[in-house]
Amino acid sequence: MRARTTWIVAGSVFALVVGTTAIANAVAPHAPASAPVGFVADADSTPSATPTPTPTPVVETKTVTVDEPVPFAATTVDDPGSDVGTSAVTTAGQNGVKTTTFRVTLRDGVETERTLVSERVTTAPVDQVTSVGSRQPAPPPPPAPVAPPAAAPDAGGCDPNYTGACVPIASDVDCAGGSGNGPAYVQGPVQVVGSDIYDLDRDGDGVGCE
């Protein structure tokens, strides 16, 4: 017995004559059906896997401001009011501040680009000034003259400014019996022949201790 089986595949009609055994195998329980010769499966019938979506990166832009110190300079000036060899800081130095602004681009939180926007000195530095003395010091005063030591009353010798009696050489000489307090005395009268250094001639007549 022959059976006629017709398949409609992809819009075409095929007729195939098979034997009874083939029909029996075709309808046997649990037997997998095999595609006929010339059968082409529709591409749309094959299931496809869902593609994994690619995450979109997060890009953000922000402004960053950075402050940097500006070092101060040091200068010196002459100070005529101070002696040579001396110096003093008359103005203390202070650093300034430079402010720089950047535009920063971040991709997923990681910096990828930095662009300079502006740069300016927001606080000017103050220069340090040191005054250096330029005045020449005055010369020291000359030493005071040292008087020769006075001769002791008993050192011997007579003062050459007097004659007629020996007027001893001493820090002071008075007339014996007078109101003077010495420490040396002379018994007059004496002639003044030089300078009356002991003021023995009180009346100026050239004779002392009259």
N, C-alpha and C. Protein backbone atom coordinates (compact mmCIF):
# COMPACT_ATOMS: atom_id res chain seq x y z
N MET A 1 0.86 -1.17 0.00
CA MET A 1 0.00 0.00 0.00
C MET A 1 0.89 1.22 0.00
N ARG A 2 0.67 2.17 -0.77
CA ARG A 2 1.43 3.41 -0.83
C ARG A 2 0.56 4.55 -0.36
N ALA A 3 1.18 5.42 0.28
CA ALA A 3 0.46 6.61 0.76
C ALA A 3 1.10 7.84 0.15
N ARG A 4 0.33 8.83 -0.03
CA ARG A 4 0.82 10.08 -0.62
C ARG A 4 0.76 11.15 0.46
N THR A 5 1.88 11.68 0.68
CA THR A 5 1.97 12.74 1.70
C THR A 5 2.46 14.02 1.06
N THR A 6 1.83 15.08 1.43
CA THR A 6 2.18 16.39 0.82
C THR A 6 2.65 17.35 1.91
N TRP A 7 3.83 17.97 1.72
CA TRP A 7 4.34 19.04 2.63
C TRP A 7 4.33 20.37 1.91
N ILE A 8 3.98 21.33 2.62
CA ILE A 8 4.07 22.70 2.09
C ILE A 8 5.22 23.38 2.84
N VAL A 9 6.28 23.58 2.16
CA VAL A 9 7.49 24.13 2.79
C VAL A 9 7.89 25.39 2.04
N ALA A 10 7.97 26.48 2.84
CA ALA A 10 8.45 27.77 2.31
C ALA A 10 7.71 28.13 1.04
N GLY A 11 6.36 27.96 1.04
CA GLY A 11 5.57 28.40 -0.08
C GLY A 11 5.58 27.44 -1.26
N SER A 12 6.22 26.24 -1.18
CA SER A 12 6.25 25.27 -2.30
C SER A 12 5.55 23.99 -1.88
N VAL A 13 5.04 23.33 -2.81
CA VAL A 13 4.30 22.09 -2.53
C VAL A 13 5.13 20.94 -3.04
N PHE A 14 5.37 19.99 -2.13
CA PHE A 14 6.12 18.78 -2.51
C PHE A 14 5.24 17.57 -2.26
N ALA A 15 5.29 16.60 -3.15
CA ALA A 15 4.54 15.33 -3.01
C ALA A 15 5.55 14.22 -2.92
N LEU A 16 5.38 13.40 -1.97
CA LEU A 16 6.31 12.29 -1.76
C LEU A 16 5.51 11.02 -1.54
N VAL A 17 5.89 10.00 -2.23
CA VAL A 17 5.24 8.69 -2.10
C VAL A 17 6.14 7.81 -1.30
N VAL A 18 5.69 7.32 -0.22
CA VAL A 18 6.47 6.45 0.65
C VAL A 18 5.72 5.15 0.84
N GLY A 19 6.44 4.15 1.28
CA GLY A 19 5.83 2.84 1.53
C GLY A 19 5.13 2.81 2.85
N THR A 20 4.47 1.66 3.05
CA THR A 20 3.70 1.49 4.28
C THR A 20 4.59 1.55 5.49
N THR A 21 5.77 0.92 5.36
CA THR A 21 6.70 0.92 6.51
C THR A 21 7.11 2.33 6.86
N ALA A 22 7.35 3.12 5.83
CA ALA A 22 7.74 4.50 6.11
C ALA A 22 6.64 5.23 6.80
N ILE A 23 5.37 4.93 6.41
CA ILE A 23 4.26 5.60 7.06
C ILE A 23 4.16 5.16 8.50
N ALA A 24 4.38 3.86 8.72
CA ALA A 24 4.29 3.35 10.08
C ALA A 24 5.37 4.01 10.95
N ASN A 25 6.59 4.14 10.39
CA ASN A 25 7.64 4.77 11.19
C ASN A 25 7.33 6.23 11.46
N ALA A 26 6.67 6.82 10.50
CA ALA A 26 6.38 8.23 10.67
C ALA A 26 5.38 8.47 11.76
N VAL A 27 4.45 7.50 11.96
CA VAL A 27 3.41 7.72 12.95
C VAL A 27 3.63 6.92 14.20
N ALA A 28 4.80 6.24 14.30
CA ALA A 28 5.06 5.44 15.50
C ALA A 28 5.14 6.34 16.71
N PRO A 29 4.64 5.81 17.83
CA PRO A 29 4.65 6.63 19.05
C PRO A 29 6.09 6.98 19.47
N HIS A 30 6.26 8.18 19.98
CA HIS A 30 7.54 8.69 20.53
C HIS A 30 8.64 8.77 19.50
N ALA A 31 8.36 8.53 18.23
CA ALA A 31 9.42 8.61 17.22
C ALA A 31 9.59 10.06 16.82
N PRO A 32 10.77 10.56 16.86
CA PRO A 32 10.99 11.96 16.48
C PRO A 32 10.76 12.16 15.01
N ALA A 33 10.13 13.22 14.70
CA ALA A 33 9.86 13.50 13.30
C ALA A 33 11.07 14.14 12.70
N SER A 34 11.46 13.69 11.57
CA SER A 34 12.62 14.25 10.87
C SER A 34 12.12 15.10 9.74
N ALA A 35 12.88 16.15 9.51
CA ALA A 35 12.46 17.06 8.45
C ALA A 35 12.65 16.39 7.11
N PRO A 36 11.74 16.61 6.23
CA PRO A 36 11.85 16.00 4.89
C PRO A 36 12.98 16.62 4.11
N VAL A 37 13.41 15.89 3.13
CA VAL A 37 14.46 16.39 2.25
C VAL A 37 13.98 17.67 1.59
N GLY A 38 14.86 18.66 1.63
CA GLY A 38 14.50 19.94 1.01
C GLY A 38 13.81 20.90 1.94
N PHE A 39 13.61 20.50 3.20
CA PHE A 39 12.94 21.37 4.16
C PHE A 39 13.93 22.42 4.65
N VAL A 40 13.53 23.66 4.64
CA VAL A 40 14.34 24.78 5.13
C VAL A 40 13.56 25.48 6.22
N ALA A 41 14.17 25.51 7.42
CA ALA A 41 13.47 26.13 8.55
C ALA A 41 13.47 27.64 8.38
N ASP A 42 12.39 28.23 8.82
CA ASP A 42 12.28 29.69 8.77
C ASP A 42 13.24 30.30 9.79
N ALA A 43 14.05 31.27 9.37
CA ALA A 43 15.03 31.91 10.28
C ALA A 43 14.36 32.58 11.44
N ASP A 44 13.14 33.07 11.23
CA ASP A 44 12.46 33.76 12.31
C ASP A 44 12.03 32.83 13.42
N SER A 45 12.00 31.52 13.13
CA SER A 45 11.53 30.57 14.13
C SER A 45 12.60 30.20 15.14
N THR A 46 13.91 30.57 14.88
CA THR A 46 15.00 30.21 15.80
C THR A 46 15.08 31.26 16.90
N PRO A 47 14.98 30.87 18.19
CA PRO A 47 15.06 31.86 19.29
C PRO A 47 16.47 32.45 19.39
N SER A 48 16.59 33.73 19.70
CA SER A 48 17.89 34.41 19.83
C SER A 48 18.07 34.89 21.27
N ALA A 49 19.39 34.95 21.73
CA ALA A 49 19.70 35.40 23.09
C ALA A 49 19.57 36.93 23.17
N THR A 50 19.09 37.42 24.33
CA THR A 50 18.94 38.87 24.54
C THR A 50 20.31 39.50 24.79
N PRO A 51 20.74 40.49 23.99
CA PRO A 51 22.08 41.09 24.18
C PRO A 51 22.15 41.86 25.49
N THR A 52 23.37 41.83 26.14
CA THR A 52 23.59 42.58 27.39
C THR A 52 23.79 44.06 27.08
N PRO A 53 22.99 44.95 27.66
CA PRO A 53 23.13 46.37 27.34
C PRO A 53 24.46 46.94 27.85
N THR A 54 25.09 47.77 27.05
CA THR A 54 26.35 48.43 27.44
C THR A 54 26.04 49.64 28.31
N PRO A 55 26.63 49.72 29.53
CA PRO A 55 26.32 50.85 30.41
C PRO A 55 26.81 52.17 29.81
N THR A 56 26.04 53.18 29.98
CA THR A 56 26.40 54.51 29.48
C THR A 56 27.29 55.20 30.52
N PRO A 57 28.53 55.65 30.14
CA PRO A 57 29.41 56.32 31.12
C PRO A 57 28.81 57.64 31.58
N VAL A 58 29.11 57.96 32.85
CA VAL A 58 28.64 59.20 33.44
C VAL A 58 29.75 60.25 33.27
N VAL A 59 29.48 61.27 32.52
CA VAL A 59 30.45 62.34 32.25
C VAL A 59 29.94 63.62 32.91
N GLU A 60 30.80 64.24 33.73
CA GLU A 60 30.41 65.49 34.39
C GLU A 60 31.57 66.47 34.34
N THR A 61 31.24 67.74 34.42
CA THR A 61 32.22 68.82 34.38
C THR A 61 32.03 69.71 35.60
N LYS A 62 33.15 70.06 36.23
CA LYS A 62 33.07 70.93 37.39
C LYS A 62 34.24 71.90 37.39
N THR A 63 34.15 72.95 38.21
CA THR A 63 35.18 73.97 38.31
C THR A 63 35.96 73.77 39.61
N VAL A 64 37.28 73.78 39.50
CA VAL A 64 38.16 73.57 40.66
C VAL A 64 39.05 74.80 40.81
N THR A 65 39.14 75.33 42.03
CA THR A 65 39.96 76.50 42.33
C THR A 65 41.11 76.07 43.25
N VAL A 66 42.33 76.46 42.89
CA VAL A 66 43.53 76.09 43.65
C VAL A 66 44.26 77.36 44.06
N ASP A 67 44.60 77.47 45.35
CA ASP A 67 45.37 78.61 45.88
C ASP A 67 46.82 78.17 46.11
N GLU A 68 47.76 78.98 45.61
CA GLU A 68 49.17 78.70 45.78
C GLU A 68 49.86 79.92 46.38
N PRO A 69 50.89 79.70 47.24
CA PRO A 69 51.61 80.85 47.81
C PRO A 69 52.51 81.52 46.78
N VAL A 70 52.63 82.83 46.89
CA VAL A 70 53.56 83.61 46.08
C VAL A 70 54.67 84.10 47.01
N PRO A 71 55.90 83.61 46.87
CA PRO A 71 56.97 83.98 47.81
C PRO A 71 57.26 85.48 47.76
N PHE A 72 57.62 86.03 48.93
CA PHE A 72 57.98 87.44 49.01
C PHE A 72 59.47 87.61 48.70
N ALA A 73 59.83 88.82 48.28
CA ALA A 73 61.23 89.14 48.00
C ALA A 73 61.84 89.83 49.21
N ALA A 74 63.18 89.85 49.26
CA ALA A 74 63.91 90.48 50.36
C ALA A 74 64.78 91.59 49.79
N THR A 75 64.70 92.78 50.38
CA THR A 75 65.49 93.93 49.95
C THR A 75 66.17 94.56 51.16
N THR A 76 67.21 95.37 50.89
CA THR A 76 67.91 96.09 51.95
C THR A 76 67.95 97.58 51.59
N VAL A 77 67.94 98.41 52.61
CA VAL A 77 68.04 99.87 52.44
C VAL A 77 69.06 100.41 53.43
N ASP A 78 69.70 101.51 53.04
CA ASP A 78 70.65 102.17 53.95
C ASP A 78 69.90 102.91 55.05
N ASP A 79 70.45 102.82 56.26
CA ASP A 79 69.86 103.52 57.40
C ASP A 79 70.92 104.46 57.96
N PRO A 80 70.87 105.75 57.58
CA PRO A 80 71.89 106.69 58.09
C PRO A 80 71.77 106.96 59.57
N GLY A 81 70.69 106.54 60.19
CA GLY A 81 70.53 106.77 61.62
C GLY A 81 71.11 105.66 62.47
N SER A 82 71.68 104.62 61.86
CA SER A 82 72.28 103.51 62.61
C SER A 82 73.74 103.37 62.20
N ASP A 83 74.56 102.89 63.14
CA ASP A 83 76.00 102.77 62.89
C ASP A 83 76.28 101.66 61.88
N VAL A 84 77.42 101.82 61.21
CA VAL A 84 77.89 100.79 60.29
C VAL A 84 78.10 99.48 61.04
N GLY A 85 77.70 98.37 60.41
CA GLY A 85 77.83 97.06 61.05
C GLY A 85 76.58 96.59 61.76
N THR A 86 75.55 97.46 61.84
CA THR A 86 74.29 97.07 62.47
C THR A 86 73.22 96.93 61.40
N SER A 87 72.23 96.08 61.66
CA SER A 87 71.11 95.89 60.73
C SER A 87 69.90 95.42 61.52
N ALA A 88 68.72 95.64 60.93
CA ALA A 88 67.47 95.23 61.58
C ALA A 88 66.39 95.11 60.50
N VAL A 89 65.49 94.12 60.69
CA VAL A 89 64.36 93.93 59.77
C VAL A 89 63.30 94.96 60.15
N THR A 90 63.07 95.91 59.24
CA THR A 90 62.10 96.97 59.52
C THR A 90 60.72 96.66 58.95
N THR A 91 60.63 95.77 57.96
CA THR A 91 59.34 95.33 57.42
C THR A 91 59.40 93.82 57.25
N ALA A 92 58.51 93.12 57.95
CA ALA A 92 58.49 91.65 57.87
C ALA A 92 57.86 91.22 56.55
N GLY A 93 58.45 90.22 55.90
CA GLY A 93 57.93 89.72 54.63
C GLY A 93 56.72 88.82 54.84
N GLN A 94 55.79 88.87 53.87
CA GLN A 94 54.60 88.01 53.90
C GLN A 94 54.35 87.46 52.49
N ASN A 95 54.06 86.15 52.41
CA ASN A 95 53.75 85.53 51.13
C ASN A 95 52.40 86.01 50.62
N GLY A 96 52.28 86.09 49.29
CA GLY A 96 51.00 86.40 48.67
C GLY A 96 50.25 85.13 48.31
N VAL A 97 49.14 85.26 47.58
CA VAL A 97 48.31 84.12 47.19
C VAL A 97 47.97 84.26 45.70
N LYS A 98 48.21 83.18 44.95
CA LYS A 98 47.81 83.11 43.54
C LYS A 98 46.67 82.10 43.42
N THR A 99 45.55 82.54 42.84
CA THR A 99 44.37 81.70 42.69
C THR A 99 44.25 81.26 41.23
N THR A 100 44.21 79.95 41.00
CA THR A 100 44.09 79.38 39.66
C THR A 100 42.79 78.59 39.57
N THR A 101 42.03 78.81 38.49
CA THR A 101 40.75 78.13 38.27
C THR A 101 40.87 77.20 37.07
N PHE A 102 40.42 75.93 37.24
CA PHE A 102 40.44 74.92 36.18
C PHE A 102 39.02 74.43 35.92
N ARG A 103 38.78 74.01 34.67
CA ARG A 103 37.56 73.27 34.34
C ARG A 103 37.96 71.80 34.18
N VAL A 104 37.39 70.95 35.03
CA VAL A 104 37.79 69.54 35.12
C VAL A 104 36.66 68.66 34.59
N THR A 105 37.01 67.72 33.72
CA THR A 105 36.05 66.75 33.18
C THR A 105 36.29 65.39 33.82
N LEU A 106 35.21 64.78 34.34
CA LEU A 106 35.27 63.47 35.00
C LEU A 106 34.47 62.47 34.20
N ARG A 107 34.98 61.27 34.04
CA ARG A 107 34.28 60.16 33.39
C ARG A 107 34.19 59.02 34.39
N ASP A 108 32.97 58.77 34.83
CA ASP A 108 32.74 57.77 35.88
C ASP A 108 33.59 58.07 37.11
N GLY A 109 33.67 59.36 37.46
CA GLY A 109 34.37 59.77 38.66
C GLY A 109 35.87 59.90 38.52
N VAL A 110 36.43 59.62 37.34
CA VAL A 110 37.87 59.69 37.11
C VAL A 110 38.16 60.90 36.23
N GLU A 111 39.12 61.73 36.68
CA GLU A 111 39.46 62.92 35.90
C GLU A 111 40.13 62.53 34.60
N THR A 112 39.59 63.07 33.49
CA THR A 112 40.13 62.78 32.17
C THR A 112 40.67 64.01 31.47
N GLU A 113 40.31 65.19 31.94
CA GLU A 113 40.77 66.41 31.29
C GLU A 113 40.73 67.56 32.28
N ARG A 114 41.75 68.45 32.19
CA ARG A 114 41.80 69.65 33.04
C ARG A 114 42.24 70.82 32.17
N THR A 115 41.41 71.85 32.13
CA THR A 115 41.67 73.01 31.28
C THR A 115 41.78 74.27 32.15
N LEU A 116 42.84 75.07 31.92
CA LEU A 116 43.03 76.31 32.67
C LEU A 116 42.00 77.33 32.23
N VAL A 117 41.30 77.90 33.22
CA VAL A 117 40.29 78.92 32.94
C VAL A 117 40.83 80.31 33.25
N SER A 118 41.42 80.49 34.43
CA SER A 118 41.96 81.80 34.80
C SER A 118 43.05 81.61 35.84
N GLU A 119 43.90 82.66 35.95
CA GLU A 119 44.99 82.64 36.92
C GLU A 119 45.30 84.09 37.29
N ARG A 120 45.26 84.40 38.60
CA ARG A 120 45.53 85.77 39.02
C ARG A 120 46.03 85.77 40.47
N VAL A 121 46.77 86.83 40.81
CA VAL A 121 47.27 87.01 42.18
C VAL A 121 46.18 87.72 42.97
N THR A 122 45.59 87.01 43.92
CA THR A 122 44.51 87.59 44.72
C THR A 122 45.02 88.33 45.94
N THR A 123 46.21 87.99 46.43
CA THR A 123 46.84 88.71 47.54
C THR A 123 48.30 88.96 47.19
N ALA A 124 48.67 90.23 47.08
CA ALA A 124 50.04 90.56 46.70
C ALA A 124 51.01 90.28 47.85
N PRO A 125 52.22 89.77 47.55
CA PRO A 125 53.19 89.54 48.63
C PRO A 125 53.75 90.86 49.15
N VAL A 126 54.22 90.83 50.40
CA VAL A 126 54.85 92.00 51.03
C VAL A 126 56.34 91.71 51.15
N ASP A 127 57.16 92.55 50.50
CA ASP A 127 58.60 92.34 50.52
C ASP A 127 59.17 92.59 51.92
N GLN A 128 60.17 91.80 52.27
CA GLN A 128 60.86 92.00 53.54
C GLN A 128 61.97 93.04 53.36
N VAL A 129 62.00 94.02 54.23
CA VAL A 129 62.96 95.11 54.13
C VAL A 129 63.88 95.06 55.35
N THR A 130 65.18 95.05 55.09
CA THR A 130 66.19 95.08 56.15
C THR A 130 66.96 96.38 56.05
N SER A 131 67.00 97.15 57.15
CA SER A 131 67.74 98.41 57.19
C SER A 131 69.17 98.13 57.67
N VAL A 132 70.13 98.61 56.88
CA VAL A 132 71.54 98.40 57.19
C VAL A 132 72.16 99.75 57.56
N GLY A 133 72.79 99.81 58.73
CA GLY A 133 73.36 101.07 59.21
C GLY A 133 74.49 101.55 58.32
N SER A 134 74.50 102.89 58.06
CA SER A 134 75.55 103.49 57.24
C SER A 134 76.25 104.65 57.95
N ARG A 135 75.89 104.92 59.19
CA ARG A 135 76.49 106.04 59.92
C ARG A 135 77.83 105.62 60.53
N GLN A 136 78.86 106.46 60.27
CA GLN A 136 80.16 106.19 60.86
C GLN A 136 80.13 106.63 62.33
N PRO A 137 80.54 105.76 63.25
CA PRO A 137 80.51 106.14 64.67
C PRO A 137 81.50 107.25 64.97
N ALA A 138 81.16 108.08 65.95
CA ALA A 138 82.05 109.18 66.36
C ALA A 138 83.31 108.61 66.99
N PRO A 139 84.46 109.27 66.77
CA PRO A 139 85.70 108.76 67.37
C PRO A 139 85.61 108.85 68.89
N PRO A 140 86.24 107.95 69.57
CA PRO A 140 86.19 107.99 71.04
C PRO A 140 86.89 109.24 71.57
N PRO A 141 86.46 109.78 72.70
CA PRO A 141 87.10 110.99 73.27
C PRO A 141 88.53 110.68 73.70
N PRO A 142 89.38 111.67 73.63
CA PRO A 142 90.76 111.43 74.05
C PRO A 142 90.80 111.12 75.54
N PRO A 143 91.78 110.37 75.95
CA PRO A 143 91.86 110.04 77.38
C PRO A 143 92.16 111.29 78.22
N ALA A 144 91.59 111.31 79.40
CA ALA A 144 91.80 112.45 80.30
C ALA A 144 93.25 112.47 80.76
N PRO A 145 93.81 113.66 80.87
CA PRO A 145 95.21 113.72 81.32
C PRO A 145 95.35 113.24 82.77
N VAL A 146 96.41 112.58 82.99
CA VAL A 146 96.65 112.04 84.32
C VAL A 146 97.61 112.98 85.05
N ALA A 147 97.15 113.52 86.20
CA ALA A 147 97.98 114.44 86.97
C ALA A 147 99.11 113.67 87.64
N PRO A 148 100.27 114.24 87.66
CA PRO A 148 101.37 113.55 88.35
C PRO A 148 101.07 113.47 89.84
N PRO A 149 101.51 112.45 90.44
CA PRO A 149 101.25 112.32 91.88
C PRO A 149 101.92 113.44 92.67
N ALA A 150 101.19 113.94 93.66
CA ALA A 150 101.76 115.02 94.51
C ALA A 150 102.88 114.48 95.38
N ALA A 151 103.87 115.32 95.52
CA ALA A 151 105.00 114.91 96.35
C ALA A 151 104.62 114.98 97.82
N ALA A 152 105.06 114.05 98.55
CA ALA A 152 104.80 114.04 99.99
C ALA A 152 105.54 115.19 100.64
N PRO A 153 104.98 115.71 101.76
CA PRO A 153 105.65 116.84 102.43
C PRO A 153 107.08 116.57 102.80
N ASP A 154 107.41 115.33 103.13
CA ASP A 154 108.77 115.02 103.55
C ASP A 154 109.60 114.42 102.44
N ALA A 155 109.12 114.67 101.16
CA ALA A 155 109.87 114.06 100.06
C ALA A 155 111.18 114.81 99.82
N GLY A 156 111.35 116.00 100.43
CA GLY A 156 112.58 116.77 100.24
C GLY A 156 112.47 117.68 99.03
N GLY A 157 113.28 118.71 99.01
CA GLY A 157 113.28 119.64 97.92
C GLY A 157 112.40 120.84 98.22
N CYS A 158 112.72 121.96 97.62
CA CYS A 158 111.97 123.19 97.83
C CYS A 158 111.38 123.64 96.50
N ASP A 159 110.21 124.23 96.58
CA ASP A 159 109.54 124.70 95.38
C ASP A 159 110.31 125.89 94.83
N PRO A 160 110.70 125.87 93.53
CA PRO A 160 111.51 126.96 92.96
C PRO A 160 110.76 128.26 92.76
N ASN A 161 109.44 128.27 93.02
CA ASN A 161 108.67 129.51 92.85
C ASN A 161 108.86 130.46 94.05
N TYR A 162 109.52 129.97 95.07
CA TYR A 162 109.69 130.78 96.29
C TYR A 162 111.17 130.77 96.70
N THR A 163 111.51 131.81 97.42
CA THR A 163 112.86 131.89 97.98
C THR A 163 112.80 132.58 99.34
N GLY A 164 113.90 132.58 100.09
CA GLY A 164 113.94 133.18 101.44
C GLY A 164 113.64 132.16 102.50
N ALA A 165 112.88 131.14 102.18
CA ALA A 165 112.60 129.99 103.06
C ALA A 165 112.24 128.83 102.16
N CYS A 166 112.45 127.64 102.64
CA CYS A 166 112.17 126.44 101.82
C CYS A 166 110.68 126.15 101.88
N VAL A 167 110.06 126.33 100.75
CA VAL A 167 108.62 125.97 100.64
C VAL A 167 108.58 124.54 100.10
N PRO A 168 108.15 123.60 100.91
CA PRO A 168 108.16 122.20 100.45
C PRO A 168 107.23 121.96 99.24
N ILE A 169 107.58 120.99 98.48
CA ILE A 169 106.74 120.58 97.35
C ILE A 169 105.70 119.60 97.89
N ALA A 170 104.42 120.03 97.85
CA ALA A 170 103.34 119.21 98.41
C ALA A 170 102.06 119.52 97.67
N SER A 171 100.99 118.78 98.03
CA SER A 171 99.70 119.05 97.40
C SER A 171 99.16 120.41 97.82
N ASP A 172 99.55 120.91 98.97
CA ASP A 172 99.17 122.25 99.43
C ASP A 172 100.13 122.65 100.57
N VAL A 173 100.47 123.95 100.56
CA VAL A 173 101.37 124.48 101.61
C VAL A 173 100.70 125.71 102.18
N ASP A 174 100.66 125.81 103.51
CA ASP A 174 100.11 126.98 104.20
C ASP A 174 101.19 127.59 105.10
N CYS A 175 100.93 128.85 105.47
CA CYS A 175 101.85 129.54 106.38
C CYS A 175 101.71 128.96 107.79
N ALA A 176 102.84 128.68 108.39
CA ALA A 176 102.83 128.14 109.74
C ALA A 176 102.21 129.14 110.69
N GLY A 177 101.33 128.70 111.56
CA GLY A 177 100.66 129.54 112.52
C GLY A 177 99.41 130.19 111.96
N GLY A 178 99.12 129.95 110.67
CA GLY A 178 97.93 130.55 110.08
C GLY A 178 96.72 129.61 110.22
N SER A 179 95.68 129.92 109.41
CA SER A 179 94.44 129.12 109.48
C SER A 179 94.39 127.97 108.48
N GLY A 180 95.46 127.87 107.68
CA GLY A 180 95.46 126.78 106.69
C GLY A 180 95.57 125.40 107.33
N ASN A 181 95.14 124.39 106.55
CA ASN A 181 95.14 123.02 107.08
C ASN A 181 96.15 122.11 106.39
N GLY A 182 97.16 122.75 105.76
CA GLY A 182 98.23 121.93 105.22
C GLY A 182 97.84 121.09 104.01
N PRO A 183 98.49 120.00 103.83
CA PRO A 183 99.24 119.24 104.85
C PRO A 183 100.66 119.71 105.11
N ALA A 184 101.19 120.68 104.30
CA ALA A 184 102.56 121.13 104.54
C ALA A 184 102.52 122.61 104.96
N TYR A 185 103.55 123.03 105.67
CA TYR A 185 103.60 124.40 106.19
C TYR A 185 105.00 124.97 105.95
N VAL A 186 105.06 126.34 105.90
CA VAL A 186 106.33 127.01 105.76
C VAL A 186 106.36 128.18 106.75
N GLN A 187 107.54 128.39 107.34
CA GLN A 187 107.71 129.52 108.26
C GLN A 187 108.25 130.69 107.45
N GLY A 188 107.47 131.77 107.38
CA GLY A 188 107.84 132.89 106.52
C GLY A 188 108.73 133.89 107.23
N PRO A 189 108.99 134.96 106.58
CA PRO A 189 108.46 135.32 105.26
C PRO A 189 109.22 134.65 104.11
N VAL A 190 108.55 134.55 102.96
CA VAL A 190 109.14 133.98 101.75
C VAL A 190 108.89 134.95 100.61
N GLN A 191 109.85 134.97 99.67
CA GLN A 191 109.72 135.81 98.49
C GLN A 191 109.10 134.97 97.35
N VAL A 192 108.13 135.57 96.67
CA VAL A 192 107.51 134.89 95.50
C VAL A 192 108.31 135.30 94.28
N VAL A 193 109.00 134.39 93.66
CA VAL A 193 109.82 134.66 92.48
C VAL A 193 109.26 134.03 91.20
N GLY A 194 108.23 133.27 91.38
CA GLY A 194 107.59 132.62 90.23
C GLY A 194 106.08 132.76 90.34
N SER A 195 105.40 131.64 90.29
CA SER A 195 103.94 131.61 90.44
C SER A 195 103.61 131.27 91.88
N ASP A 196 102.71 132.05 92.44
CA ASP A 196 102.29 131.77 93.83
C ASP A 196 101.28 130.63 93.81
N ILE A 197 101.78 129.43 93.57
CA ILE A 197 100.87 128.29 93.40
C ILE A 197 100.19 127.90 94.70
N TYR A 198 100.76 128.27 95.81
CA TYR A 198 100.16 127.90 97.10
C TYR A 198 99.38 129.06 97.72
N ASP A 199 99.31 130.22 97.02
CA ASP A 199 98.58 131.40 97.50
C ASP A 199 99.08 131.83 98.89
N LEU A 200 100.41 131.95 98.98
CA LEU A 200 101.00 132.38 100.24
C LEU A 200 101.02 133.91 100.34
N ASP A 201 101.07 134.61 99.19
CA ASP A 201 101.09 136.08 99.18
C ASP A 201 99.66 136.57 99.03
N ARG A 202 98.95 136.69 100.12
CA ARG A 202 97.55 137.05 100.05
C ARG A 202 97.35 138.52 99.62
N ASP A 203 98.27 139.40 99.99
CA ASP A 203 98.06 140.81 99.65
C ASP A 203 98.75 141.19 98.34
N GLY A 204 99.42 140.25 97.71
CA GLY A 204 100.00 140.48 96.38
C GLY A 204 101.21 141.38 96.36
N ASP A 205 101.94 141.54 97.47
CA ASP A 205 103.11 142.42 97.48
C ASP A 205 104.40 141.69 97.18
N GLY A 206 104.30 140.42 96.84
CA GLY A 206 105.48 139.64 96.48
C GLY A 206 106.10 138.93 97.67
N VAL A 207 105.55 139.12 98.86
CA VAL A 207 106.10 138.47 100.05
C VAL A 207 104.96 137.69 100.69
N GLY A 208 105.22 136.41 101.00
CA GLY A 208 104.22 135.57 101.62
C GLY A 208 104.58 135.21 103.02
N CYS A 209 103.53 134.88 103.79
CA CYS A 209 103.70 134.45 105.18
C CYS A 209 104.44 135.51 105.98
N GLU A 210 103.99 136.78 105.84
CA GLU A 210 104.63 137.88 106.56
C GLU A 210 104.27 137.85 108.04
